[in-house]
Amino acid sequence: MNKSELIEIISQKSGMTKKKAEDVVNLIFDSMTDALVKNERIEIRGFGSFVNRSYGAYTGRNPRTSESIQVNPKRLPYFKVGKELKERVDSEAPPKGSSSTMEGSNP
């Protein structure tokens, strides 16, 4: 599912216009982004939580030239799936016709 598909589903299920649904989705994503920028934790019970993880500086390697490069410290968003979502995904069979393995992997 991508953002436009999410907007379409919200529009259909709520009866609101696509423009209004897009505004709602953008408001939610913008609010979540702002919270992560402020280093706040986002927890949605039953779904999961978003937190920032800090990574220290390290010496990396340019794969093209094999030259050593210094990688600066950084913070990256991390999603931890909630127990209810994990159990629901694990217990429900995928719809017929969908691939149950990742593309390019062997079952």
N, C-alpha and C. Protein backbone atom coordinates (compact mmCIF):
# COMPACT_ATOMS: atom_id res chain seq x y z
N MET A 1 0.85 -1.17 0.00
CA MET A 1 0.00 0.00 0.00
C MET A 1 0.89 1.23 0.00
N ASN A 2 0.53 2.19 -0.82
CA ASN A 2 1.26 3.46 -0.82
C ASN A 2 0.33 4.57 -0.31
N LYS A 3 0.86 5.78 -0.26
CA LYS A 3 0.11 6.90 0.31
C LYS A 3 -1.19 7.18 -0.44
N SER A 4 -1.17 7.15 -1.77
CA SER A 4 -2.39 7.43 -2.54
C SER A 4 -3.44 6.33 -2.34
N GLU A 5 -3.00 5.09 -2.17
CA GLU A 5 -3.95 4.01 -1.89
C GLU A 5 -4.56 4.18 -0.50
N LEU A 6 -3.76 4.61 0.46
CA LEU A 6 -4.27 4.87 1.80
C LEU A 6 -5.32 5.98 1.77
N ILE A 7 -5.04 7.04 1.03
CA ILE A 7 -5.99 8.15 0.90
C ILE A 7 -7.30 7.66 0.28
N GLU A 8 -7.19 6.84 -0.75
CA GLU A 8 -8.38 6.28 -1.41
C GLU A 8 -9.22 5.45 -0.44
N ILE A 9 -8.58 4.60 0.34
CA ILE A 9 -9.30 3.75 1.30
C ILE A 9 -9.99 4.60 2.36
N ILE A 10 -9.29 5.59 2.89
CA ILE A 10 -9.88 6.47 3.91
C ILE A 10 -11.07 7.22 3.33
N SER A 11 -10.93 7.70 2.11
CA SER A 11 -12.01 8.42 1.44
C SER A 11 -13.24 7.53 1.28
N GLN A 12 -13.03 6.31 0.82
CA GLN A 12 -14.15 5.38 0.59
C GLN A 12 -14.82 4.97 1.89
N LYS A 13 -14.03 4.60 2.90
CA LYS A 13 -14.60 4.08 4.15
C LYS A 13 -15.23 5.15 5.02
N SER A 14 -14.74 6.40 4.91
CA SER A 14 -15.28 7.45 5.77
C SER A 14 -16.34 8.30 5.07
N GLY A 15 -16.38 8.22 3.74
CA GLY A 15 -17.33 9.04 3.01
C GLY A 15 -16.85 10.47 2.80
N MET A 16 -15.62 10.77 3.18
CA MET A 16 -15.11 12.13 2.96
C MET A 16 -14.48 12.23 1.58
N THR A 17 -14.30 13.44 1.13
CA THR A 17 -13.70 13.65 -0.19
C THR A 17 -12.24 13.21 -0.17
N LYS A 18 -11.70 12.94 -1.36
CA LYS A 18 -10.29 12.56 -1.45
C LYS A 18 -9.40 13.68 -0.93
N LYS A 19 -9.75 14.92 -1.20
CA LYS A 19 -8.96 16.06 -0.75
C LYS A 19 -8.93 16.11 0.78
N LYS A 20 -10.07 15.89 1.41
CA LYS A 20 -10.15 15.90 2.87
C LYS A 20 -9.35 14.72 3.44
N ALA A 21 -9.46 13.55 2.82
CA ALA A 21 -8.71 12.38 3.26
C ALA A 21 -7.21 12.61 3.11
N GLU A 22 -6.82 13.27 2.02
CA GLU A 22 -5.40 13.59 1.81
C GLU A 22 -4.90 14.55 2.89
N ASP A 23 -5.73 15.53 3.25
CA ASP A 23 -5.36 16.47 4.31
C ASP A 23 -5.17 15.74 5.65
N VAL A 24 -6.04 14.78 5.94
CA VAL A 24 -5.95 14.01 7.18
C VAL A 24 -4.66 13.18 7.19
N VAL A 25 -4.38 12.48 6.10
CA VAL A 25 -3.17 11.66 6.01
C VAL A 25 -1.93 12.54 6.14
N ASN A 26 -1.90 13.67 5.44
CA ASN A 26 -0.76 14.57 5.53
C ASN A 26 -0.58 15.12 6.94
N LEU A 27 -1.68 15.45 7.62
CA LEU A 27 -1.62 15.95 8.98
C LEU A 27 -1.02 14.89 9.91
N ILE A 28 -1.45 13.66 9.76
CA ILE A 28 -0.92 12.57 10.60
C ILE A 28 0.57 12.38 10.34
N PHE A 29 0.95 12.26 9.08
CA PHE A 29 2.37 12.06 8.74
C PHE A 29 3.23 13.24 9.18
N ASP A 30 2.74 14.47 8.98
CA ASP A 30 3.49 15.65 9.39
C ASP A 30 3.66 15.68 10.91
N SER A 31 2.61 15.32 11.64
CA SER A 31 2.68 15.30 13.11
C SER A 31 3.68 14.25 13.59
N MET A 32 3.67 13.09 12.95
CA MET A 32 4.61 12.03 13.33
C MET A 32 6.04 12.45 13.00
N THR A 33 6.24 13.06 11.85
CA THR A 33 7.57 13.53 11.46
C THR A 33 8.07 14.58 12.44
N ASP A 34 7.21 15.53 12.80
CA ASP A 34 7.60 16.58 13.76
C ASP A 34 7.99 15.97 15.10
N ALA A 35 7.25 14.98 15.56
CA ALA A 35 7.57 14.33 16.84
C ALA A 35 8.93 13.64 16.77
N LEU A 36 9.21 12.95 15.67
CA LEU A 36 10.51 12.27 15.54
C LEU A 36 11.65 13.27 15.44
N VAL A 37 11.43 14.40 14.75
CA VAL A 37 12.46 15.44 14.66
C VAL A 37 12.78 15.96 16.07
N LYS A 38 11.77 16.05 16.94
CA LYS A 38 11.96 16.51 18.32
C LYS A 38 12.47 15.39 19.22
N ASN A 39 12.76 14.23 18.64
CA ASN A 39 13.26 13.05 19.35
C ASN A 39 12.23 12.49 20.32
N GLU A 40 10.94 12.64 19.98
CA GLU A 40 9.86 12.09 20.79
C GLU A 40 9.51 10.70 20.30
N ARG A 41 9.02 9.87 21.19
CA ARG A 41 8.60 8.52 20.87
C ARG A 41 7.13 8.56 20.45
N ILE A 42 6.78 7.79 19.44
CA ILE A 42 5.39 7.69 18.99
C ILE A 42 4.94 6.27 19.26
N GLU A 43 3.86 6.13 20.04
CA GLU A 43 3.35 4.80 20.34
C GLU A 43 1.89 4.72 19.95
N ILE A 44 1.57 3.75 19.10
CA ILE A 44 0.20 3.51 18.69
C ILE A 44 -0.15 2.11 19.19
N ARG A 45 -0.89 2.04 20.27
CA ARG A 45 -1.19 0.76 20.93
C ARG A 45 -1.78 -0.24 19.94
N GLY A 46 -1.26 -1.44 19.99
CA GLY A 46 -1.74 -2.51 19.12
C GLY A 46 -1.12 -2.49 17.73
N PHE A 47 -0.44 -1.42 17.39
CA PHE A 47 0.18 -1.30 16.07
C PHE A 47 1.69 -1.33 16.18
N GLY A 48 2.25 -0.40 16.94
CA GLY A 48 3.69 -0.38 17.10
C GLY A 48 4.16 0.98 17.58
N SER A 49 5.48 1.14 17.63
CA SER A 49 6.05 2.41 18.08
C SER A 49 7.21 2.82 17.18
N PHE A 50 7.36 4.12 17.09
CA PHE A 50 8.47 4.71 16.34
C PHE A 50 9.37 5.42 17.34
N VAL A 51 10.66 5.16 17.24
CA VAL A 51 11.65 5.84 18.07
C VAL A 51 12.85 6.16 17.19
N ASN A 52 13.67 7.09 17.65
CA ASN A 52 14.92 7.37 16.96
C ASN A 52 16.02 6.53 17.59
N ARG A 53 16.86 5.98 16.76
CA ARG A 53 18.04 5.27 17.24
C ARG A 53 19.25 6.09 16.84
N SER A 54 20.17 6.24 17.77
CA SER A 54 21.39 7.00 17.50
C SER A 54 22.51 6.05 17.14
N TYR A 55 23.25 6.42 16.13
CA TYR A 55 24.38 5.63 15.67
C TYR A 55 25.62 6.52 15.72
N GLY A 56 26.69 6.01 16.31
CA GLY A 56 27.92 6.78 16.42
C GLY A 56 28.68 6.84 15.11
N ALA A 57 29.68 7.69 15.09
CA ALA A 57 30.53 7.81 13.90
C ALA A 57 31.34 6.53 13.74
N TYR A 58 31.66 6.21 12.50
CA TYR A 58 32.49 5.04 12.23
C TYR A 58 33.22 5.24 10.91
N THR A 59 34.20 4.40 10.68
CA THR A 59 34.94 4.44 9.43
C THR A 59 34.31 3.43 8.48
N GLY A 60 33.82 3.91 7.35
CA GLY A 60 33.20 3.05 6.35
C GLY A 60 34.12 2.89 5.16
N ARG A 61 33.63 2.22 4.15
CA ARG A 61 34.41 1.99 2.96
C ARG A 61 33.55 2.28 1.73
N ASN A 62 34.08 3.09 0.82
CA ASN A 62 33.40 3.36 -0.44
C ASN A 62 33.47 2.07 -1.27
N PRO A 63 32.32 1.48 -1.62
CA PRO A 63 32.34 0.20 -2.34
C PRO A 63 32.93 0.29 -3.74
N ARG A 64 32.87 1.47 -4.33
CA ARG A 64 33.41 1.63 -5.69
C ARG A 64 34.93 1.73 -5.72
N THR A 65 35.44 2.51 -4.75
CA THR A 65 36.89 2.79 -4.78
C THR A 65 37.65 2.08 -3.66
N SER A 66 36.95 1.46 -2.74
CA SER A 66 37.53 0.83 -1.55
C SER A 66 38.25 1.83 -0.64
N GLU A 67 38.01 3.11 -0.86
CA GLU A 67 38.61 4.15 -0.04
C GLU A 67 37.89 4.22 1.31
N SER A 68 38.65 4.39 2.40
CA SER A 68 38.06 4.56 3.72
C SER A 68 37.46 5.95 3.82
N ILE A 69 36.25 6.02 4.39
CA ILE A 69 35.59 7.30 4.59
C ILE A 69 35.04 7.37 6.01
N GLN A 70 34.99 8.57 6.55
CA GLN A 70 34.45 8.77 7.89
C GLN A 70 32.95 9.03 7.77
N VAL A 71 32.14 8.22 8.46
CA VAL A 71 30.68 8.39 8.46
C VAL A 71 30.31 9.12 9.75
N ASN A 72 29.60 10.21 9.62
CA ASN A 72 29.20 11.03 10.77
C ASN A 72 28.15 10.32 11.61
N PRO A 73 28.07 10.68 12.90
CA PRO A 73 26.99 10.11 13.73
C PRO A 73 25.64 10.54 13.18
N LYS A 74 24.62 9.72 13.44
CA LYS A 74 23.29 10.04 12.91
C LYS A 74 22.20 9.44 13.77
N ARG A 75 21.00 10.00 13.62
CA ARG A 75 19.78 9.46 14.24
C ARG A 75 18.88 8.99 13.12
N LEU A 76 18.35 7.79 13.25
CA LEU A 76 17.44 7.26 12.24
C LEU A 76 16.17 6.74 12.90
N PRO A 77 15.00 6.96 12.27
CA PRO A 77 13.76 6.42 12.82
C PRO A 77 13.77 4.90 12.76
N TYR A 78 13.20 4.29 13.79
CA TYR A 78 13.10 2.84 13.89
C TYR A 78 11.67 2.49 14.28
N PHE A 79 11.09 1.48 13.62
CA PHE A 79 9.73 1.04 13.93
C PHE A 79 9.79 -0.31 14.61
N LYS A 80 9.14 -0.40 15.75
CA LYS A 80 9.03 -1.69 16.45
C LYS A 80 7.56 -2.11 16.42
N VAL A 81 7.30 -3.24 15.81
CA VAL A 81 5.93 -3.73 15.64
C VAL A 81 5.33 -4.08 17.01
N GLY A 82 4.03 -3.79 17.17
CA GLY A 82 3.32 -4.11 18.40
C GLY A 82 2.89 -5.57 18.44
N LYS A 83 2.66 -6.05 19.63
CA LYS A 83 2.30 -7.46 19.84
C LYS A 83 1.03 -7.84 19.08
N GLU A 84 -0.01 -7.03 19.15
CA GLU A 84 -1.28 -7.36 18.49
C GLU A 84 -1.12 -7.43 16.97
N LEU A 85 -0.39 -6.48 16.39
CA LEU A 85 -0.17 -6.49 14.94
C LEU A 85 0.66 -7.71 14.54
N LYS A 86 1.70 -7.98 15.31
CA LYS A 86 2.56 -9.13 15.02
C LYS A 86 1.74 -10.42 15.03
N GLU A 87 0.90 -10.60 16.04
CA GLU A 87 0.08 -11.81 16.14
C GLU A 87 -0.94 -11.88 15.02
N ARG A 88 -1.54 -10.76 14.67
CA ARG A 88 -2.55 -10.76 13.60
C ARG A 88 -1.94 -11.09 12.25
N VAL A 89 -0.79 -10.50 11.94
CA VAL A 89 -0.11 -10.77 10.67
C VAL A 89 0.32 -12.23 10.60
N ASP A 90 0.81 -12.75 11.72
CA ASP A 90 1.30 -14.12 11.75
C ASP A 90 0.16 -15.14 11.64
N SER A 91 -1.02 -14.80 12.18
CA SER A 91 -2.11 -15.77 12.22
C SER A 91 -2.99 -15.77 10.97
N GLU A 92 -3.03 -14.66 10.24
CA GLU A 92 -3.89 -14.59 9.06
C GLU A 92 -3.13 -15.00 7.82
N ALA A 93 -3.77 -15.87 7.02
CA ALA A 93 -3.16 -16.34 5.78
C ALA A 93 -3.20 -15.22 4.75
N PRO A 94 -2.18 -15.14 3.89
CA PRO A 94 -2.19 -14.12 2.83
C PRO A 94 -3.32 -14.41 1.85
N PRO A 95 -3.88 -13.36 1.21
CA PRO A 95 -4.97 -13.56 0.25
C PRO A 95 -4.51 -14.44 -0.91
N LYS A 96 -5.46 -15.17 -1.50
CA LYS A 96 -5.14 -16.02 -2.65
C LYS A 96 -4.57 -15.17 -3.78
N GLY A 97 -3.57 -15.74 -4.45
CA GLY A 97 -2.96 -15.05 -5.57
C GLY A 97 -1.81 -14.15 -5.18
N SER A 98 -1.61 -13.93 -3.88
CA SER A 98 -0.47 -13.10 -3.46
C SER A 98 0.70 -14.02 -3.14
N SER A 99 1.87 -13.50 -3.32
CA SER A 99 3.07 -14.27 -3.06
C SER A 99 3.33 -14.31 -1.56
N SER A 100 3.61 -15.49 -1.04
CA SER A 100 3.87 -15.60 0.39
C SER A 100 5.35 -15.50 0.70
N THR A 101 6.18 -15.42 -0.33
CA THR A 101 7.62 -15.25 -0.11
C THR A 101 8.04 -13.93 -0.70
N MET A 102 9.15 -13.44 -0.23
CA MET A 102 9.67 -12.18 -0.78
C MET A 102 10.15 -12.41 -2.20
N GLU A 103 9.96 -11.40 -3.04
CA GLU A 103 10.36 -11.49 -4.43
C GLU A 103 11.87 -11.74 -4.51
N GLY A 104 12.24 -12.71 -5.30
CA GLY A 104 13.65 -13.02 -5.49
C GLY A 104 14.20 -14.02 -4.51
N SER A 105 13.40 -14.42 -3.50
CA SER A 105 13.88 -15.41 -2.55
C SER A 105 13.31 -16.77 -2.90
N ASN A 106 14.00 -17.78 -2.49
CA ASN A 106 13.55 -19.13 -2.75
C ASN A 106 12.79 -19.65 -1.55
N PRO A 107 11.62 -20.30 -1.76
CA PRO A 107 10.85 -20.80 -0.63
C PRO A 107 11.51 -21.98 0.03
